[in-house]
Amino acid sequence: MISELTNILEVITRIIEFLGVSVLLLGLLISSFRYVASRLKKSRLDRIKEYKTSLGRAIIIGLEILVAATVVKTITVDSTIYSVGLLIGMIAIRTIISWTIVTELEGHWPWQSENRPGVIADDISHSADEIE
């Protein structure tokens, strides 16, 4: 009975992992397609900004799903010190990446209000202008 439940939870974990990787890959493909497709309609700066935004959102969502799979696996299937350490590492990496992406996209740290102008947003605009 317990081994059957463990097998079912392993399959569920694999499905969740597959979903997370699929979200990452689809986000990359869709963002890239939109970037190329909007070539004639939008300026380069607008295309780069839109590409970063859509790709960043896909990365955040994909990582959230992968962390969920790791939580399920750690709690139910593989509760070892190694798997708990892996979970802690994944959560730390996901948090750092999420903060970085939010800061890049919104121009301020996640804990700052939106009304506060961010230095980072100005830096992004100037560096993108230099590209053109």
Protein backbone atom coordinates (compact mmCIF):
# COMPACT_ATOMS: atom_id res chain seq x y z
CA MET A 1 0.00 0.00 0.00
CA ILE A 2 2.70 2.51 0.99
CA SER A 3 4.91 1.55 -1.96
CA GLU A 4 1.96 2.07 -4.32
CA LEU A 5 1.34 5.51 -2.86
CA THR A 6 5.03 6.32 -3.16
CA ASN A 7 4.99 5.27 -6.82
CA ILE A 8 1.93 7.44 -7.49
CA LEU A 9 3.59 10.44 -5.81
CA GLU A 10 6.76 9.89 -7.86
CA VAL A 11 4.70 9.96 -11.05
CA ILE A 12 2.92 13.13 -9.88
CA THR A 13 6.29 14.71 -9.10
CA ARG A 14 7.60 13.84 -12.59
CA ILE A 15 4.48 15.35 -14.17
CA ILE A 16 4.93 18.57 -12.17
CA GLU A 17 8.63 18.71 -13.16
CA PHE A 18 7.71 18.17 -16.80
CA LEU A 19 5.14 20.96 -16.55
CA GLY A 20 7.74 23.33 -15.06
CA VAL A 21 10.29 22.61 -17.80
CA SER A 22 7.54 22.93 -20.42
CA VAL A 23 6.58 26.36 -19.10
CA LEU A 24 10.23 27.46 -19.30
CA LEU A 25 10.66 26.21 -22.87
CA LEU A 26 7.29 27.48 -24.11
CA GLY A 27 7.97 30.84 -22.51
CA LEU A 28 11.30 31.03 -24.33
CA LEU A 29 9.77 30.03 -27.66
CA ILE A 30 6.73 32.32 -27.40
CA SER A 31 8.81 35.29 -26.21
CA SER A 32 11.32 34.80 -29.00
CA PHE A 33 8.59 34.41 -31.61
CA ARG A 34 6.87 37.60 -30.43
CA TYR A 35 10.20 39.45 -30.51
CA VAL A 36 10.84 38.45 -34.11
CA ALA A 37 7.21 38.95 -35.18
CA SER A 38 7.03 42.50 -33.79
CA ARG A 39 10.15 43.53 -35.69
CA LEU A 40 8.28 45.73 -38.16
CA LYS A 41 5.70 47.12 -35.74
CA LYS A 42 7.73 48.28 -32.74
CA SER A 43 10.98 50.04 -32.00
CA ARG A 44 13.96 48.01 -30.88
CA LEU A 45 13.73 49.37 -27.34
CA ASP A 46 10.05 48.38 -27.04
CA ARG A 47 10.77 44.91 -28.43
CA ILE A 48 13.65 44.33 -26.01
CA LYS A 49 11.56 45.51 -23.06
CA GLU A 50 8.61 43.28 -24.07
CA TYR A 51 10.93 40.31 -24.64
CA LYS A 52 12.54 40.70 -21.22
CA THR A 53 9.14 41.02 -19.56
CA SER A 54 7.56 37.96 -21.16
CA LEU A 55 10.67 35.82 -20.79
CA GLY A 56 11.12 36.90 -17.17
CA ARG A 57 7.55 35.98 -16.32
CA ALA A 58 7.94 32.56 -17.92
CA ILE A 59 11.13 31.94 -15.96
CA ILE A 60 9.50 32.92 -12.67
CA ILE A 61 6.45 30.72 -13.28
CA GLY A 62 8.56 27.78 -14.47
CA LEU A 63 10.82 28.00 -11.43
CA GLU A 64 7.82 28.18 -9.09
CA ILE A 65 6.47 24.96 -10.59
CA LEU A 66 9.86 23.25 -10.31
CA VAL A 67 10.13 24.28 -6.67
CA ALA A 68 6.65 22.84 -6.07
CA ALA A 69 7.76 19.53 -7.59
CA THR A 70 10.84 19.51 -5.38
CA VAL A 71 8.73 20.19 -2.28
CA VAL A 72 6.39 17.30 -3.12
CA LYS A 73 9.33 15.01 -3.80
CA THR A 74 11.18 16.00 -0.63
CA ILE A 75 8.17 15.64 1.64
CA THR A 76 6.71 12.46 0.21
CA VAL A 77 9.23 10.44 -1.76
CA ASP A 78 12.82 11.23 -0.91
CA SER A 79 13.22 12.70 2.58
CA THR A 80 16.96 12.69 2.99
CA ILE A 81 19.34 15.39 4.15
CA TYR A 82 20.54 15.69 0.54
CA SER A 83 17.02 16.30 -0.81
CA VAL A 84 16.27 18.85 1.91
CA GLY A 85 19.52 20.64 1.09
CA LEU A 86 18.59 20.57 -2.60
CA LEU A 87 15.20 22.05 -1.77
CA ILE A 88 16.75 24.84 0.30
CA GLY A 89 19.20 25.58 -2.51
CA MET A 90 16.46 25.67 -5.14
CA ILE A 91 14.34 28.00 -3.04
CA ALA A 92 17.32 30.32 -2.48
CA ILE A 93 18.21 30.36 -6.17
CA ARG A 94 14.58 30.90 -7.20
CA THR A 95 14.25 33.77 -4.74
CA ILE A 96 17.41 35.49 -5.99
CA ILE A 97 16.41 35.03 -9.63
CA SER A 98 12.87 36.27 -8.95
CA TRP A 99 14.15 39.38 -7.18
CA THR A 100 16.58 40.05 -9.99
CA ILE A 101 13.93 39.65 -12.67
CA VAL A 102 11.37 41.79 -10.82
CA THR A 103 14.00 44.47 -10.28
CA GLU A 104 14.94 44.38 -13.96
CA LEU A 105 11.34 44.50 -15.17
CA GLU A 106 9.79 46.95 -12.70
CA GLY A 107 12.79 49.09 -11.84
CA HIS A 108 12.57 48.63 -8.08
CA TRP A 109 13.11 45.95 -5.47
CA PRO A 110 10.09 43.72 -4.79
CA TRP A 111 9.60 45.20 -1.30
CA GLN A 112 9.64 48.82 -2.52
CA SER A 113 6.47 50.60 -3.59
CA GLU A 114 5.85 51.23 -7.28
CA ASN A 115 5.62 54.99 -6.73
CA ARG A 116 9.31 55.14 -5.91
CA PRO A 117 11.36 55.70 -9.06
CA GLY A 118 14.08 53.15 -9.52
CA VAL A 119 17.60 53.86 -10.60
CA ILE A 120 17.70 50.49 -12.31
CA ALA A 121 14.83 51.36 -14.70
CA ASP A 122 16.71 54.48 -15.80
CA ASP A 123 19.89 52.47 -16.31
CA ILE A 124 17.99 49.95 -18.46
CA SER A 125 16.55 52.72 -20.64
CA HIS A 126 19.93 54.34 -21.15
CA SER A 127 21.74 51.11 -21.90
CA ALA A 128 19.00 50.09 -24.37
CA ASP A 129 19.25 53.50 -26.06
CA GLU A 130 22.97 52.95 -26.49
CA ILE A 131 22.27 49.69 -28.34
CA GLU A 132 20.26 51.44 -31.04
